[in-house]
Amino acid sequence: MKKRNHGIRDHIYLLLNEKDQYVISYGIEFSEFTYSLSQTMNNLLLLKHQFEEGEMNMHTMFEFVSRDYLTQLAEDDVYGYGDFCWIDFEEEEALN
């Protein structure tokens, strides 16, 4: 009988902080996460990343990804970035 290795892919941890409005996830791929929220995600402000197709928001000086490029980001190797931090937002005007 093969011993099962209980690693990152066997468990999913989600920390939901409603007060400060953020979620920390562990054990779930970004592509799976975005797929589950594909109907509600519009844009992502990229805080830590290595995605090369983002657009620059001149007010925040951070790059962002519009809804049109979310699929491309989800298909990128974000797991290989190391830290990958982002914030979702409705419209770019809200960043300003």
N, C-alpha and C. Protein backbone atom coordinates (compact mmCIF):
# COMPACT_ATOMS: atom_id res chain seq x y z
N MET A 1 0.84 -1.17 0.00
CA MET A 1 0.00 0.00 0.00
C MET A 1 0.88 1.24 0.00
N LYS A 2 0.61 2.15 -0.93
CA LYS A 2 1.40 3.36 -1.07
C LYS A 2 1.01 4.38 0.00
N LYS A 3 2.02 4.91 0.69
CA LYS A 3 1.76 5.93 1.71
C LYS A 3 1.49 7.25 1.01
N ARG A 4 0.43 7.90 1.39
CA ARG A 4 0.04 9.17 0.77
C ARG A 4 0.81 10.31 1.41
N ASN A 5 1.38 11.17 0.59
CA ASN A 5 2.10 12.35 1.06
C ASN A 5 1.11 13.50 1.20
N HIS A 6 0.89 13.95 2.41
CA HIS A 6 -0.04 15.05 2.65
C HIS A 6 0.69 16.36 2.50
N GLY A 7 0.56 16.97 1.34
CA GLY A 7 1.25 18.22 1.06
C GLY A 7 0.27 19.32 0.68
N ILE A 8 0.80 20.33 0.05
CA ILE A 8 0.03 21.51 -0.29
C ILE A 8 -1.16 21.19 -1.19
N ARG A 9 -1.04 20.23 -2.05
CA ARG A 9 -2.11 19.94 -3.01
C ARG A 9 -3.23 19.10 -2.42
N ASP A 10 -3.04 18.61 -1.20
CA ASP A 10 -4.06 17.79 -0.56
C ASP A 10 -5.02 18.59 0.32
N HIS A 11 -4.62 19.80 0.69
CA HIS A 11 -5.42 20.61 1.59
C HIS A 11 -5.53 22.03 1.06
N ILE A 12 -6.65 22.63 1.29
CA ILE A 12 -6.86 24.04 0.93
C ILE A 12 -7.18 24.80 2.21
N TYR A 13 -6.45 25.87 2.42
CA TYR A 13 -6.70 26.73 3.58
C TYR A 13 -7.09 28.11 3.08
N LEU A 14 -8.16 28.64 3.61
CA LEU A 14 -8.60 29.99 3.30
C LEU A 14 -8.78 30.76 4.60
N LEU A 15 -8.13 31.90 4.68
CA LEU A 15 -8.31 32.78 5.82
C LEU A 15 -9.10 33.97 5.32
N LEU A 16 -10.31 34.12 5.78
CA LEU A 16 -11.19 35.21 5.38
C LEU A 16 -11.25 36.22 6.51
N ASN A 17 -10.75 37.41 6.25
CA ASN A 17 -10.80 38.48 7.24
C ASN A 17 -11.84 39.49 6.76
N GLU A 18 -13.05 39.36 7.28
CA GLU A 18 -14.14 40.23 6.85
C GLU A 18 -13.93 41.67 7.31
N LYS A 19 -13.38 41.85 8.50
CA LYS A 19 -13.17 43.20 9.05
C LYS A 19 -12.26 44.02 8.13
N ASP A 20 -11.12 43.45 7.74
CA ASP A 20 -10.17 44.16 6.90
C ASP A 20 -10.34 43.85 5.42
N GLN A 21 -11.29 43.01 5.09
CA GLN A 21 -11.68 42.67 3.72
C GLN A 21 -10.54 42.10 2.89
N TYR A 22 -10.01 40.96 3.36
CA TYR A 22 -9.04 40.25 2.53
C TYR A 22 -9.13 38.75 2.77
N VAL A 23 -8.57 38.01 1.82
CA VAL A 23 -8.53 36.55 1.89
C VAL A 23 -7.09 36.12 1.64
N ILE A 24 -6.61 35.20 2.44
CA ILE A 24 -5.31 34.57 2.19
C ILE A 24 -5.60 33.11 1.89
N SER A 25 -5.07 32.63 0.78
CA SER A 25 -5.32 31.24 0.40
C SER A 25 -4.00 30.49 0.33
N TYR A 26 -4.10 29.19 0.58
CA TYR A 26 -2.95 28.30 0.54
C TYR A 26 -3.43 26.94 0.05
N GLY A 27 -2.74 26.41 -0.94
CA GLY A 27 -3.09 25.07 -1.41
C GLY A 27 -4.04 25.07 -2.59
N ILE A 28 -4.33 26.23 -3.15
CA ILE A 28 -5.19 26.31 -4.32
C ILE A 28 -4.46 27.13 -5.38
N GLU A 29 -4.47 26.65 -6.59
CA GLU A 29 -3.82 27.36 -7.68
C GLU A 29 -4.62 28.61 -8.03
N PHE A 30 -3.92 29.65 -8.46
CA PHE A 30 -4.57 30.90 -8.84
C PHE A 30 -5.58 30.67 -9.96
N SER A 31 -5.25 29.82 -10.90
CA SER A 31 -6.17 29.55 -12.01
C SER A 31 -7.48 28.95 -11.51
N GLU A 32 -7.41 28.07 -10.51
CA GLU A 32 -8.61 27.49 -9.92
C GLU A 32 -9.42 28.54 -9.17
N PHE A 33 -8.70 29.40 -8.47
CA PHE A 33 -9.35 30.47 -7.71
C PHE A 33 -10.09 31.42 -8.65
N THR A 34 -9.41 31.86 -9.72
CA THR A 34 -10.04 32.79 -10.66
C THR A 34 -11.19 32.13 -11.42
N TYR A 35 -11.05 30.85 -11.72
CA TYR A 35 -12.13 30.14 -12.41
C TYR A 35 -13.40 30.14 -11.55
N SER A 36 -13.22 29.93 -10.26
CA SER A 36 -14.39 29.88 -9.38
C SER A 36 -15.05 31.24 -9.23
N LEU A 37 -14.31 32.32 -9.50
CA LEU A 37 -14.85 33.68 -9.37
C LEU A 37 -14.94 34.40 -10.71
N SER A 38 -14.89 33.66 -11.79
CA SER A 38 -14.81 34.27 -13.12
C SER A 38 -15.98 35.19 -13.45
N GLN A 39 -17.12 34.97 -12.85
CA GLN A 39 -18.27 35.82 -13.12
C GLN A 39 -18.24 37.13 -12.35
N THR A 40 -17.45 37.20 -11.27
CA THR A 40 -17.46 38.39 -10.43
C THR A 40 -16.17 39.20 -10.45
N MET A 41 -15.08 38.65 -10.94
CA MET A 41 -13.81 39.39 -10.97
C MET A 41 -13.78 40.30 -12.19
N ASN A 42 -13.39 41.55 -11.97
CA ASN A 42 -13.27 42.50 -13.07
C ASN A 42 -11.83 42.85 -13.40
N ASN A 43 -11.11 43.38 -12.43
CA ASN A 43 -9.74 43.83 -12.63
C ASN A 43 -8.92 43.47 -11.41
N LEU A 44 -7.60 43.33 -11.59
CA LEU A 44 -6.72 43.04 -10.47
C LEU A 44 -5.58 44.05 -10.44
N LEU A 45 -5.37 44.66 -9.29
CA LEU A 45 -4.21 45.50 -9.05
C LEU A 45 -3.10 44.57 -8.57
N LEU A 46 -1.98 44.55 -9.28
CA LEU A 46 -0.90 43.61 -8.98
C LEU A 46 0.11 44.27 -8.05
N LEU A 47 0.22 43.76 -6.82
CA LEU A 47 1.13 44.32 -5.83
C LEU A 47 2.50 43.66 -5.85
N LYS A 48 2.53 42.33 -5.93
CA LYS A 48 3.76 41.54 -6.09
C LYS A 48 3.49 40.53 -7.19
N HIS A 49 4.33 40.54 -8.21
CA HIS A 49 4.07 39.66 -9.36
C HIS A 49 5.27 39.64 -10.29
N GLN A 50 5.17 38.84 -11.32
CA GLN A 50 6.15 38.82 -12.40
C GLN A 50 5.44 38.76 -13.76
N PHE A 51 4.17 39.14 -13.78
CA PHE A 51 3.38 39.13 -15.00
C PHE A 51 3.81 40.30 -15.87
N GLU A 52 4.10 40.05 -17.13
CA GLU A 52 4.67 41.07 -17.99
C GLU A 52 3.64 41.78 -18.88
N GLU A 53 2.38 41.41 -18.79
CA GLU A 53 1.38 41.98 -19.68
C GLU A 53 0.46 42.99 -18.98
N GLY A 54 0.81 43.40 -17.79
CA GLY A 54 -0.05 44.33 -17.06
C GLY A 54 0.04 45.75 -17.60
N GLU A 55 -0.96 46.54 -17.26
CA GLU A 55 -0.98 47.96 -17.61
C GLU A 55 -0.64 48.76 -16.36
N MET A 56 -0.02 49.93 -16.53
CA MET A 56 0.38 50.75 -15.40
C MET A 56 -0.73 51.74 -15.05
N ASN A 57 -1.05 51.79 -13.76
CA ASN A 57 -1.94 52.84 -13.27
C ASN A 57 -1.05 53.96 -12.75
N MET A 58 -1.13 55.12 -13.36
CA MET A 58 -0.22 56.21 -13.04
C MET A 58 -0.46 56.80 -11.65
N HIS A 59 -1.63 56.62 -11.09
CA HIS A 59 -1.90 57.16 -9.75
C HIS A 59 -1.25 56.30 -8.68
N THR A 60 -1.41 55.00 -8.77
CA THR A 60 -0.86 54.09 -7.75
C THR A 60 0.57 53.68 -8.07
N MET A 61 0.97 53.78 -9.35
CA MET A 61 2.26 53.30 -9.85
C MET A 61 2.39 51.78 -9.72
N PHE A 62 1.25 51.11 -9.67
CA PHE A 62 1.21 49.65 -9.71
C PHE A 62 0.63 49.23 -11.05
N GLU A 63 1.01 48.04 -11.47
CA GLU A 63 0.41 47.48 -12.67
C GLU A 63 -0.92 46.84 -12.32
N PHE A 64 -1.79 46.76 -13.31
CA PHE A 64 -3.07 46.08 -13.13
C PHE A 64 -3.38 45.25 -14.35
N VAL A 65 -4.31 44.33 -14.17
CA VAL A 65 -4.77 43.47 -15.25
C VAL A 65 -6.27 43.68 -15.39
N SER A 66 -6.68 44.05 -16.59
CA SER A 66 -8.12 44.22 -16.85
C SER A 66 -8.76 42.85 -17.04
N ARG A 67 -10.07 42.83 -16.97
CA ARG A 67 -10.83 41.58 -17.13
C ARG A 67 -10.45 40.84 -18.42
N ASP A 68 -10.10 41.58 -19.46
CA ASP A 68 -9.74 40.98 -20.74
C ASP A 68 -8.48 40.10 -20.66
N TYR A 69 -7.60 40.38 -19.70
CA TYR A 69 -6.34 39.64 -19.58
C TYR A 69 -6.30 38.70 -18.39
N LEU A 70 -7.40 38.58 -17.65
CA LEU A 70 -7.40 37.69 -16.49
C LEU A 70 -7.13 36.24 -16.86
N THR A 71 -7.66 35.80 -17.99
CA THR A 71 -7.42 34.41 -18.42
C THR A 71 -5.95 34.20 -18.72
N GLN A 72 -5.33 35.17 -19.36
CA GLN A 72 -3.90 35.06 -19.67
C GLN A 72 -3.08 35.01 -18.38
N LEU A 73 -3.44 35.84 -17.40
CA LEU A 73 -2.75 35.81 -16.11
C LEU A 73 -2.95 34.47 -15.41
N ALA A 74 -4.17 33.96 -15.45
CA ALA A 74 -4.48 32.67 -14.81
C ALA A 74 -3.70 31.53 -15.44
N GLU A 75 -3.38 31.64 -16.72
CA GLU A 75 -2.63 30.60 -17.41
C GLU A 75 -1.12 30.74 -17.22
N ASP A 76 -0.68 31.89 -16.70
CA ASP A 76 0.75 32.11 -16.46
C ASP A 76 1.19 31.29 -15.24
N ASP A 77 2.47 31.13 -15.05
CA ASP A 77 3.00 30.35 -13.94
C ASP A 77 3.10 31.23 -12.69
N VAL A 78 1.97 31.67 -12.16
CA VAL A 78 1.99 32.53 -10.98
C VAL A 78 2.53 31.80 -9.76
N TYR A 79 2.42 30.48 -9.75
CA TYR A 79 2.98 29.68 -8.65
C TYR A 79 4.50 29.84 -8.61
N GLY A 80 5.12 30.04 -9.76
CA GLY A 80 6.56 30.23 -9.85
C GLY A 80 7.02 31.63 -9.49
N TYR A 81 6.11 32.57 -9.28
CA TYR A 81 6.48 33.94 -8.94
C TYR A 81 7.08 34.04 -7.54
N GLY A 82 6.80 33.08 -6.69
CA GLY A 82 7.09 33.26 -5.27
C GLY A 82 5.87 33.95 -4.67
N ASP A 83 6.06 35.12 -4.12
CA ASP A 83 4.93 35.89 -3.61
C ASP A 83 4.11 36.43 -4.78
N PHE A 84 2.82 36.31 -4.66
CA PHE A 84 1.90 36.85 -5.67
C PHE A 84 0.75 37.49 -4.92
N CYS A 85 0.72 38.82 -4.93
CA CYS A 85 -0.28 39.56 -4.17
C CYS A 85 -1.05 40.49 -5.10
N TRP A 86 -2.34 40.53 -4.90
CA TRP A 86 -3.18 41.35 -5.75
C TRP A 86 -4.42 41.78 -4.99
N ILE A 87 -5.08 42.79 -5.53
CA ILE A 87 -6.35 43.30 -4.99
C ILE A 87 -7.31 43.41 -6.16
N ASP A 88 -8.52 42.92 -5.98
CA ASP A 88 -9.50 43.06 -7.05
C ASP A 88 -10.21 44.41 -6.92
N PHE A 89 -10.63 44.95 -8.05
CA PHE A 89 -11.35 46.22 -8.05
C PHE A 89 -12.30 46.27 -9.24
N GLU A 90 -13.30 47.11 -9.12
CA GLU A 90 -14.34 47.21 -10.15
C GLU A 90 -13.87 47.99 -11.38
N GLU A 91 -13.47 49.25 -11.19
CA GLU A 91 -13.13 50.12 -12.31
C GLU A 91 -11.82 50.85 -12.02
N GLU A 92 -11.06 51.14 -13.06
CA GLU A 92 -9.77 51.81 -12.88
C GLU A 92 -9.95 53.19 -12.24
N GLU A 93 -11.04 53.85 -12.52
CA GLU A 93 -11.28 55.17 -11.91
C GLU A 93 -11.28 55.09 -10.39
N ALA A 94 -11.69 53.96 -9.84
CA ALA A 94 -11.74 53.79 -8.39
C ALA A 94 -10.33 53.77 -7.80
N LEU A 95 -9.33 53.40 -8.56
CA LEU A 95 -7.94 53.41 -8.07
C LEU A 95 -7.44 54.83 -7.84
N ASN A 96 -7.95 55.75 -8.64
CA ASN A 96 -7.48 57.13 -8.56
C ASN A 96 -8.13 57.86 -7.39
